[in-house]
Amino acid sequence: MPKLAANLSTLFSEVTFLARFDAARAAGFRYVEYQFPYAWRAPEIARAARSAGVQVVLHNLPAGDMARGERGIACLPGREREFRDGVEHAIEYASAVGCARVNCLAGLAPADREHFATLVANVRHAARRLGERGIELVIEPLNTRSVPGFFLTRSAQAVDVLNAAGEANARMQYDVFHMQIMEGDLARTLERLLGRIGHIQIADVPDRHEPGSGEINFAFLLPQLDRLGYSGWVGCEYNPRGDTVAGLTWAKPYLSP
């Protein structure tokens, strides 16, 4: 049975961020994830999670200046010090809430050797530093329709980075929404790369709404994860078409009462 995690950056937007932990638990989620927690103090987030009785399973590393259009800095030469400081900041937040996994966004850059080498070096550093604290690193390919110019866009590229970094503590975050747009063949790719995948996220295509709203056959894909023996979490990182709870009909078989 897939372990669903509510992405609090996209779900339950009708309430404030810290109130979303309780909202997620009330809807049946035992696990949560979120994108960037850094606008709140780490102890506040930890208290909200403990009070709601949910486990935090993923958040992102700092990703540069999002307001100016940055989508990560891990592949950007000259930003290595900032990246390393971001790793320490992420460790502070992950340690406070007991989160054992953080996601690294590569950034916007041409797919050339210089940016590849920078990304590999930063992934290697982050994987080692996070590993010292018992936290896993994942890296995520994004689609070029939603994020034009993103450096890491396909599962094979992510594997190339992981192979070059050579760190067992670094794996891939496989977002079904992004990979359906970029390469399709989801079931076979998940089967082939299962050992390299540390976290999965889901949303339907084309509009990043809940499963059942688009072209992906989640009635097949989610049980397929069980058949493959996937034991990690499945993050629900989608934008509800309406009320979050009303749109959770698809998830009822997987949620606790």
C-alpha atoms as a PDB file:
ATOM      1  CA  MET A   1       0.000   0.000   0.000  1.00  0.00           C
ATOM      2  CA  PRO A   2       1.612   3.329  -1.031  1.00  0.00           C
ATOM      3  CA  LYS A   3       2.485   5.621   1.884  1.00  0.00           C
ATOM      4  CA  LEU A   4       0.973   8.917   0.792  1.00  0.00           C
ATOM      5  CA  ALA A   5       2.448  12.196   2.033  1.00  0.00           C
ATOM      6  CA  ALA A   6       0.507  15.455   1.753  1.00  0.00           C
ATOM      7  CA  ASN A   7       2.575  18.245   0.215  1.00  0.00           C
ATOM      8  CA  LEU A   8       1.662  21.169   2.438  1.00  0.00           C
ATOM      9  CA  SER A   9       2.994  23.717  -0.039  1.00  0.00           C
ATOM     10  CA  THR A  10       0.236  22.802  -2.497  1.00  0.00           C
ATOM     11  CA  LEU A  11      -2.514  21.125  -0.456  1.00  0.00           C
ATOM     12  CA  PHE A  12      -4.786  22.703   2.174  1.00  0.00           C
ATOM     13  CA  SER A  13      -4.024  26.208   0.900  1.00  0.00           C
ATOM     14  CA  GLU A  14      -7.296  27.402   2.434  1.00  0.00           C
ATOM     15  CA  VAL A  15      -5.534  27.537   5.827  1.00  0.00           C
ATOM     16  CA  THR A  16      -2.225  28.997   6.989  1.00  0.00           C
ATOM     17  CA  PHE A  17       0.898  26.883   6.580  1.00  0.00           C
ATOM     18  CA  LEU A  18       1.278  25.881  10.230  1.00  0.00           C
ATOM     19  CA  ALA A  19      -2.418  24.915  10.375  1.00  0.00           C
ATOM     20  CA  ARG A  20      -1.987  22.568   7.412  1.00  0.00           C
ATOM     21  CA  PHE A  21      -0.368  19.880   9.576  1.00  0.00           C
ATOM     22  CA  ASP A  22      -3.608  19.428  11.522  1.00  0.00           C
ATOM     23  CA  ALA A  23      -5.629  19.659   8.297  1.00  0.00           C
ATOM     24  CA  ALA A  24      -3.551  16.905   6.697  1.00  0.00           C
ATOM     25  CA  ARG A  25      -3.962  14.586   9.678  1.00  0.00           C
ATOM     26  CA  ALA A  26      -7.704  15.253   9.806  1.00  0.00           C
ATOM     27  CA  ALA A  27      -7.903  14.228   6.133  1.00  0.00           C
ATOM     28  CA  GLY A  28      -6.189  10.909   6.898  1.00  0.00           C
ATOM     29  CA  PHE A  29      -2.534  11.672   6.095  1.00  0.00           C
ATOM     30  CA  ARG A  30       0.064  10.351   8.512  1.00  0.00           C
ATOM     31  CA  TYR A  31       2.966  11.792   6.505  1.00  0.00           C
ATOM     32  CA  VAL A  32       3.640  15.256   5.115  1.00  0.00           C
ATOM     33  CA  GLU A  33       6.193  17.017   2.965  1.00  0.00           C
ATOM     34  CA  TYR A  34       6.654  20.627   1.917  1.00  0.00           C
ATOM     35  CA  GLN A  35       8.854  22.619  -0.416  1.00  0.00           C
ATOM     36  CA  PHE A  36      10.611  25.470   1.411  1.00  0.00           C
ATOM     37  CA  PRO A  37      10.116  25.810   5.177  1.00  0.00           C
ATOM     38  CA  TYR A  38      12.545  28.678   5.700  1.00  0.00           C
ATOM     39  CA  ALA A  39       9.973  31.470   6.125  1.00  0.00           C
ATOM     40  CA  TRP A  40       9.002  29.879   9.449  1.00  0.00           C
ATOM     41  CA  ARG A  41      11.152  29.048  12.441  1.00  0.00           C
ATOM     42  CA  ALA A  42      12.193  25.414  12.658  1.00  0.00           C
ATOM     43  CA  PRO A  43      10.859  24.933  16.219  1.00  0.00           C
ATOM     44  CA  GLU A  44       7.432  26.245  15.123  1.00  0.00           C
ATOM     45  CA  ILE A  45       7.253  23.681  12.340  1.00  0.00           C
ATOM     46  CA  ALA A  46       8.412  20.911  14.658  1.00  0.00           C
ATOM     47  CA  ARG A  47       5.703  21.781  17.191  1.00  0.00           C
ATOM     48  CA  ALA A  48       3.029  21.835  14.495  1.00  0.00           C
ATOM     49  CA  ALA A  49       4.068  18.418  13.199  1.00  0.00           C
ATOM     50  CA  ARG A  50       4.239  16.864  16.668  1.00  0.00           C
ATOM     51  CA  SER A  51       0.907  18.352  17.690  1.00  0.00           C
ATOM     52  CA  ALA A  52      -0.769  16.977  14.572  1.00  0.00           C
ATOM     53  CA  GLY A  53       0.867  13.576  14.931  1.00  0.00           C
ATOM     54  CA  VAL A  54       2.374  13.527  11.441  1.00  0.00           C
ATOM     55  CA  GLN A  55       5.839  12.631  10.206  1.00  0.00           C
ATOM     56  CA  VAL A  56       7.731  15.012   7.920  1.00  0.00           C
ATOM     57  CA  VAL A  57       9.359  12.986   5.131  1.00  0.00           C
ATOM     58  CA  LEU A  58      10.794  15.573   2.695  1.00  0.00           C
ATOM     59  CA  HIS A  59      11.602  19.219   2.103  1.00  0.00           C
ATOM     60  CA  ASN A  60      13.852  21.099  -0.314  1.00  0.00           C
ATOM     61  CA  LEU A  61      17.260  22.616   0.093  1.00  0.00           C
ATOM     62  CA  PRO A  62      17.282  26.421  -0.240  1.00  0.00           C
ATOM     63  CA  ALA A  63      16.983  27.180  -3.960  1.00  0.00           C
ATOM     64  CA  GLY A  64      18.384  30.686  -4.380  1.00  0.00           C
ATOM     65  CA  ASP A  65      16.244  33.754  -4.986  1.00  0.00           C
ATOM     66  CA  MET A  66      12.902  32.321  -6.078  1.00  0.00           C
ATOM     67  CA  ALA A  67      11.386  35.817  -6.380  1.00  0.00           C
ATOM     68  CA  ARG A  68      13.937  36.598  -9.080  1.00  0.00           C
ATOM     69  CA  GLY A  69      13.196  33.392 -10.925  1.00  0.00           C
ATOM     70  CA  GLU A  70      15.931  31.126  -9.588  1.00  0.00           C
ATOM     71  CA  ARG A  71      15.038  27.448  -9.286  1.00  0.00           C
ATOM     72  CA  GLY A  72      18.043  26.091  -7.449  1.00  0.00           C
ATOM     73  CA  ILE A  73      21.748  26.920  -7.428  1.00  0.00           C
ATOM     74  CA  ALA A  74      23.387  23.491  -7.262  1.00  0.00           C
ATOM     75  CA  CYS A  75      24.697  23.582 -10.841  1.00  0.00           C
ATOM     76  CA  LEU A  76      25.787  27.237 -10.853  1.00  0.00           C
ATOM     77  CA  PRO A  77      29.556  27.900 -10.789  1.00  0.00           C
ATOM     78  CA  GLY A  78      30.499  30.571  -8.280  1.00  0.00           C
ATOM     79  CA  ARG A  79      27.604  29.799  -5.925  1.00  0.00           C
ATOM     80  CA  GLU A  80      29.271  26.892  -4.124  1.00  0.00           C
ATOM     81  CA  ARG A  81      29.648  28.713  -0.794  1.00  0.00           C
ATOM     82  CA  GLU A  82      25.987  29.711  -0.859  1.00  0.00           C
ATOM     83  CA  PHE A  83      25.022  26.132  -1.681  1.00  0.00           C
ATOM     84  CA  ARG A  84      27.046  24.745   1.223  1.00  0.00           C
ATOM     85  CA  ASP A  85      25.511  27.284   3.592  1.00  0.00           C
ATOM     86  CA  GLY A  86      22.112  26.136   2.316  1.00  0.00           C
ATOM     87  CA  VAL A  87      22.974  22.530   3.156  1.00  0.00           C
ATOM     88  CA  GLU A  88      23.675  23.557   6.752  1.00  0.00           C
ATOM     89  CA  HIS A  89      20.423  25.522   6.892  1.00  0.00           C
ATOM     90  CA  ALA A  90      18.504  22.506   5.597  1.00  0.00           C
ATOM     91  CA  ILE A  91      20.157  20.268   8.195  1.00  0.00           C
ATOM     92  CA  GLU A  92      18.927  22.628  10.924  1.00  0.00           C
ATOM     93  CA  TYR A  93      15.334  22.355   9.731  1.00  0.00           C
ATOM     94  CA  ALA A  94      15.430  18.644   8.934  1.00  0.00           C
ATOM     95  CA  SER A  95      16.936  17.837  12.327  1.00  0.00           C
ATOM     96  CA  ALA A  96      14.319  19.917  14.149  1.00  0.00           C
ATOM     97  CA  VAL A  97      11.389  18.064  12.580  1.00  0.00           C
ATOM     98  CA  GLY A  98      13.003  14.632  12.223  1.00  0.00           C
ATOM     99  CA  CYS A  99      12.945  14.724   8.420  1.00  0.00           C
ATOM    100  CA  ALA A 100      15.269  12.115   6.937  1.00  0.00           C
ATOM    101  CA  ARG A 101      15.307  13.348   3.315  1.00  0.00           C
ATOM    102  CA  VAL A 102      15.948  16.631   1.496  1.00  0.00           C
ATOM    103  CA  ASN A 103      15.615  17.448  -2.196  1.00  0.00           C
ATOM    104  CA  CYS A 104      18.147  19.397  -4.250  1.00  0.00           C
ATOM    105  CA  LEU A 105      17.063  21.536  -7.220  1.00  0.00           C
ATOM    106  CA  ALA A 106      19.794  21.891  -9.821  1.00  0.00           C
ATOM    107  CA  GLY A 107      18.875  25.309 -11.226  1.00  0.00           C
ATOM    108  CA  LEU A 108      18.480  27.029 -14.573  1.00  0.00           C
ATOM    109  CA  ALA A 109      21.509  26.600 -16.831  1.00  0.00           C
ATOM    110  CA  PRO A 110      22.618  25.210 -20.188  1.00  0.00           C
ATOM    111  CA  ALA A 111      23.376  21.494 -20.194  1.00  0.00           C
ATOM    112  CA  ASP A 112      27.142  21.797 -20.558  1.00  0.00           C
ATOM    113  CA  ARG A 113      30.157  20.213 -18.879  1.00  0.00           C
ATOM    114  CA  GLU A 114      30.877  23.111 -16.537  1.00  0.00           C
ATOM    115  CA  HIS A 115      27.421  23.094 -14.984  1.00  0.00           C
ATOM    116  CA  PHE A 116      27.396  19.297 -14.864  1.00  0.00           C
ATOM    117  CA  ALA A 117      30.715  19.274 -12.989  1.00  0.00           C
ATOM    118  CA  THR A 118      29.480  21.903 -10.534  1.00  0.00           C
ATOM    119  CA  LEU A 119      26.304  19.939  -9.858  1.00  0.00           C
ATOM    120  CA  VAL A 120      28.228  16.717  -9.311  1.00  0.00           C
ATOM    121  CA  ALA A 121      30.617  18.382  -6.844  1.00  0.00           C
ATOM    122  CA  ASN A 122      27.757  19.964  -4.903  1.00  0.00           C
ATOM    123  CA  VAL A 123      25.760  16.727  -4.828  1.00  0.00           C
ATOM    124  CA  ARG A 124      28.818  14.907  -3.532  1.00  0.00           C
ATOM    125  CA  HIS A 125      29.345  17.478  -0.779  1.00  0.00           C
ATOM    126  CA  ALA A 126      25.673  17.553   0.220  1.00  0.00           C
ATOM    127  CA  ALA A 127      25.338  13.766   0.251  1.00  0.00           C
ATOM    128  CA  ARG A 128      28.360  13.407   2.519  1.00  0.00           C
ATOM    129  CA  ARG A 129      27.398  16.233   4.879  1.00  0.00           C
ATOM    130  CA  LEU A 130      23.774  15.133   5.127  1.00  0.00           C
ATOM    131  CA  GLY A 131      24.837  11.532   5.572  1.00  0.00           C
ATOM    132  CA  GLU A 132      26.744  12.540   8.697  1.00  0.00           C
ATOM    133  CA  ARG A 133      23.386  13.548  10.162  1.00  0.00           C
ATOM    134  CA  GLY A 134      21.430  10.537   8.914  1.00  0.00           C
ATOM    135  CA  ILE A 135      19.642  12.521   6.186  1.00  0.00           C
ATOM    136  CA  GLU A 136      19.355  11.336   2.579  1.00  0.00           C
ATOM    137  CA  LEU A 137      19.814  13.598  -0.444  1.00  0.00           C
ATOM    138  CA  VAL A 138      17.619  13.330  -3.520  1.00  0.00           C
ATOM    139  CA  ILE A 139      17.887  15.223  -6.811  1.00  0.00           C
ATOM    140  CA  GLU A 140      14.898  15.954  -9.031  1.00  0.00           C
ATOM    141  CA  PRO A 141      14.546  16.283 -12.816  1.00  0.00           C
ATOM    142  CA  LEU A 142      11.891  18.842 -13.857  1.00  0.00           C
ATOM    143  CA  ASN A 143      10.049  19.266 -17.122  1.00  0.00           C
ATOM    144  CA  THR A 144      10.932  22.095 -19.482  1.00  0.00           C
ATOM    145  CA  ARG A 145       7.317  23.117 -20.051  1.00  0.00           C
ATOM    146  CA  SER A 146       6.763  24.084 -16.414  1.00  0.00           C
ATOM    147  CA  VAL A 147      10.346  25.221 -15.788  1.00  0.00           C
ATOM    148  CA  PRO A 148      11.981  26.312 -19.069  1.00  0.00           C
ATOM    149  CA  GLY A 149      15.756  26.177 -18.987  1.00  0.00           C
ATOM    150  CA  PHE A 150      16.045  23.807 -16.037  1.00  0.00           C
ATOM    151  CA  PHE A 151      19.348  21.928 -16.092  1.00  0.00           C
ATOM    152  CA  LEU A 152      18.149  18.464 -15.055  1.00  0.00           C
ATOM    153  CA  THR A 153      15.223  17.280 -17.161  1.00  0.00           C
ATOM    154  CA  ARG A 154      15.316  13.478 -17.576  1.00  0.00           C
ATOM    155  CA  SER A 155      15.779  10.450 -15.375  1.00  0.00           C
ATOM    156  CA  ALA A 156      18.861   9.349 -17.328  1.00  0.00           C
ATOM    157  CA  GLN A 157      20.528  12.698 -16.626  1.00  0.00           C
ATOM    158  CA  ALA A 158      19.836  12.310 -12.925  1.00  0.00           C
ATOM    159  CA  VAL A 159      21.425   8.858 -12.987  1.00  0.00           C
ATOM    160  CA  ASP A 160      24.472  10.309 -14.759  1.00  0.00           C
ATOM    161  CA  VAL A 161      24.870  12.881 -11.985  1.00  0.00           C
ATOM    162  CA  LEU A 162      24.448  10.250  -9.273  1.00  0.00           C
ATOM    163  CA  ASN A 163      26.966   7.947 -10.944  1.00  0.00           C
ATOM    164  CA  ALA A 164      29.494  10.755 -11.273  1.00  0.00           C
ATOM    165  CA  ALA A 165      29.006  11.838  -7.662  1.00  0.00           C
ATOM    166  CA  GLY A 166      29.499   8.258  -6.499  1.00  0.00           C
ATOM    167  CA  GLU A 167      27.688   8.678  -3.174  1.00  0.00           C
ATOM    168  CA  ALA A 168      25.378   5.978  -1.854  1.00  0.00           C
ATOM    169  CA  ASN A 169      23.522   8.633   0.164  1.00  0.00           C
ATOM    170  CA  ALA A 170      22.274  10.388  -2.997  1.00  0.00           C
ATOM    171  CA  ARG A 171      19.305   9.137  -4.988  1.00  0.00           C
ATOM    172  CA  MET A 172      16.643  10.455  -7.352  1.00  0.00           C
ATOM    173  CA  GLN A 173      13.327  12.074  -6.601  1.00  0.00           C
ATOM    174  CA  TYR A 174      11.041  10.789  -9.337  1.00  0.00           C
ATOM    175  CA  ASP A 175       8.143  13.158  -9.961  1.00  0.00           C
ATOM    176  CA  VAL A 176       5.580  11.378 -12.115  1.00  0.00           C
ATOM    177  CA  PHE A 177       4.173  14.680 -13.416  1.00  0.00           C
ATOM    178  CA  HIS A 178       7.525  15.914 -14.716  1.00  0.00           C
ATOM    179  CA  MET A 179       8.626  12.567 -16.121  1.00  0.00           C
ATOM    180  CA  GLN A 180       5.346  11.856 -17.931  1.00  0.00           C
ATOM    181  CA  ILE A 181       5.805  15.150 -19.786  1.00  0.00           C
ATOM    182  CA  MET A 182       9.482  14.602 -20.559  1.00  0.00           C
ATOM    183  CA  GLU A 183       9.736  10.879 -21.288  1.00  0.00           C
ATOM    184  CA  GLY A 184       6.636   8.833 -20.471  1.00  0.00           C
ATOM    185  CA  ASP A 185       7.004   5.048 -20.029  1.00  0.00           C
ATOM    186  CA  LEU A 186       6.474   5.562 -16.306  1.00  0.00           C
ATOM    187  CA  ALA A 187       5.917   1.977 -15.183  1.00  0.00           C
ATOM    188  CA  ARG A 188       8.956   0.547 -16.948  1.00  0.00           C
ATOM    189  CA  THR A 189      11.174   3.457 -15.887  1.00  0.00           C
ATOM    190  CA  LEU A 190      10.139   3.067 -12.254  1.00  0.00           C
ATOM    191  CA  GLU A 191      10.870  -0.655 -12.468  1.00  0.00           C
ATOM    192  CA  ARG A 192      14.257  -0.116 -14.086  1.00  0.00           C
ATOM    193  CA  LEU A 193      15.387   2.670 -11.750  1.00  0.00           C
ATOM    194  CA  LEU A 194      13.702   1.611  -8.519  1.00  0.00           C
ATOM    195  CA  GLY A 195      16.998   1.113  -6.704  1.00  0.00           C
ATOM    196  CA  ARG A 196      18.073   4.657  -7.580  1.00  0.00           C
ATOM    197  CA  ILE A 197      14.814   6.312  -6.448  1.00  0.00           C
ATOM    198  CA  GLY A 198      14.566   7.706  -2.925  1.00  0.00           C
ATOM    199  CA  HIS A 199      11.223   9.480  -3.184  1.00  0.00           C
ATOM    200  CA  ILE A 200       8.260   9.685  -5.569  1.00  0.00           C
ATOM    201  CA  GLN A 201       5.845  12.545  -6.155  1.00  0.00           C
ATOM    202  CA  ILE A 202       2.591  12.489  -8.084  1.00  0.00           C
ATOM    203  CA  ALA A 203       0.252  14.841  -9.936  1.00  0.00           C
ATOM    204  CA  ASP A 204      -1.776  14.306 -13.077  1.00  0.00           C
ATOM    205  CA  VAL A 205      -0.918  15.665 -16.516  1.00  0.00           C
ATOM    206  CA  PRO A 206      -1.463  18.153 -18.134  1.00  0.00           C
ATOM    207  CA  ASP A 207      -2.562  20.575 -15.397  1.00  0.00           C
ATOM    208  CA  ARG A 208      -0.870  19.241 -12.227  1.00  0.00           C
ATOM    209  CA  HIS A 209      -4.180  18.504 -10.540  1.00  0.00           C
ATOM    210  CA  GLU A 210      -5.139  15.457  -8.454  1.00  0.00           C
ATOM    211  CA  PRO A 211      -4.899  11.904  -9.806  1.00  0.00           C
ATOM    212  CA  GLY A 212      -7.851  11.087 -12.018  1.00  0.00           C
ATOM    213  CA  SER A 213      -8.001  14.552 -13.554  1.00  0.00           C
ATOM    214  CA  GLY A 214      -5.791  13.856 -16.546  1.00  0.00           C
ATOM    215  CA  GLU A 215      -4.013  11.293 -18.671  1.00  0.00           C
ATOM    216  CA  ILE A 216      -2.047   9.162 -16.174  1.00  0.00           C
ATOM    217  CA  ASN A 217      -3.554   5.824 -15.127  1.00  0.00           C
ATOM    218  CA  PHE A 218      -2.954   6.009 -11.381  1.00  0.00           C
ATOM    219  CA  ALA A 219      -5.308   3.071 -10.802  1.00  0.00           C
ATOM    220  CA  PHE A 220      -2.552   1.008 -12.416  1.00  0.00           C
ATOM    221  CA  LEU A 221       0.525   2.990 -11.396  1.00  0.00           C
ATOM    222  CA  LEU A 222       0.028   3.125  -7.614  1.00  0.00           C
ATOM    223  CA  PRO A 223      -0.572  -0.638  -7.227  1.00  0.00           C
ATOM    224  CA  GLN A 224       2.392  -1.136  -9.538  1.00  0.00           C
ATOM    225  CA  LEU A 225       4.613   0.484  -6.919  1.00  0.00           C
ATOM    226  CA  ASP A 226       3.489  -2.217  -4.509  1.00  0.00           C
ATOM    227  CA  ARG A 227       4.168  -4.921  -7.073  1.00  0.00           C
ATOM    228  CA  LEU A 228       7.687  -3.536  -7.547  1.00  0.00           C
ATOM    229  CA  GLY A 229       8.308  -3.532  -3.798  1.00  0.00           C
ATOM    230  CA  TYR A 230       8.683   0.231  -3.396  1.00  0.00           C
ATOM    231  CA  SER A 231       8.754   0.984   0.327  1.00  0.00           C
ATOM    232  CA  GLY A 232       9.226   4.761   0.270  1.00  0.00           C
ATOM    233  CA  TRP A 233       6.754   7.613   0.289  1.00  0.00           C
ATOM    234  CA  VAL A 234       4.563   9.044  -2.465  1.00  0.00           C
ATOM    235  CA  GLY A 235       4.263  12.804  -2.129  1.00  0.00           C
ATOM    236  CA  CYS A 236       1.003  14.375  -3.309  1.00  0.00           C
ATOM    237  CA  GLU A 237       2.403  17.541  -4.855  1.00  0.00           C
ATOM    238  CA  TYR A 238      -0.524  18.701  -6.932  1.00  0.00           C
ATOM    239  CA  ASN A 239      -2.742  21.767  -7.158  1.00  0.00           C
ATOM    240  CA  PRO A 240      -6.306  20.788  -6.217  1.00  0.00           C
ATOM    241  CA  ARG A 241      -8.968  21.812  -8.707  1.00  0.00           C
ATOM    242  CA  GLY A 242     -11.169  22.840  -5.783  1.00  0.00           C
ATOM    243  CA  ASP A 243     -11.310  22.036  -2.097  1.00  0.00           C
ATOM    244  CA  THR A 244      -8.451  19.756  -1.091  1.00  0.00           C
ATOM    245  CA  VAL A 245     -10.536  17.335   0.995  1.00  0.00           C
ATOM    246  CA  ALA A 246     -13.302  17.109  -1.596  1.00  0.00           C
ATOM    247  CA  GLY A 247     -10.682  16.167  -4.169  1.00  0.00           C
ATOM    248  CA  LEU A 248      -9.245  13.284  -2.115  1.00  0.00           C
ATOM    249  CA  THR A 249     -11.723  10.671  -3.325  1.00  0.00           C
ATOM    250  CA  TRP A 250      -8.938   9.000  -5.312  1.00  0.00           C
ATOM    251  CA  ALA A 251      -6.793   8.646  -2.146  1.00  0.00           C
ATOM    252  CA  LYS A 252      -9.328   7.124   0.268  1.00  0.00           C
ATOM    253  CA  PRO A 253      -8.063   3.526  -0.168  1.00  0.00           C
ATOM    254  CA  TYR A 254      -4.595   4.674   0.903  1.00  0.00           C
ATOM    255  CA  LEU A 255      -5.431   6.985   3.828  1.00  0.00           C
ATOM    256  CA  SER A 256      -5.915   6.053   7.462  1.00  0.00           C
ATOM    257  CA  PRO A 257      -9.188   6.951   9.212  1.00  0.00           C
END
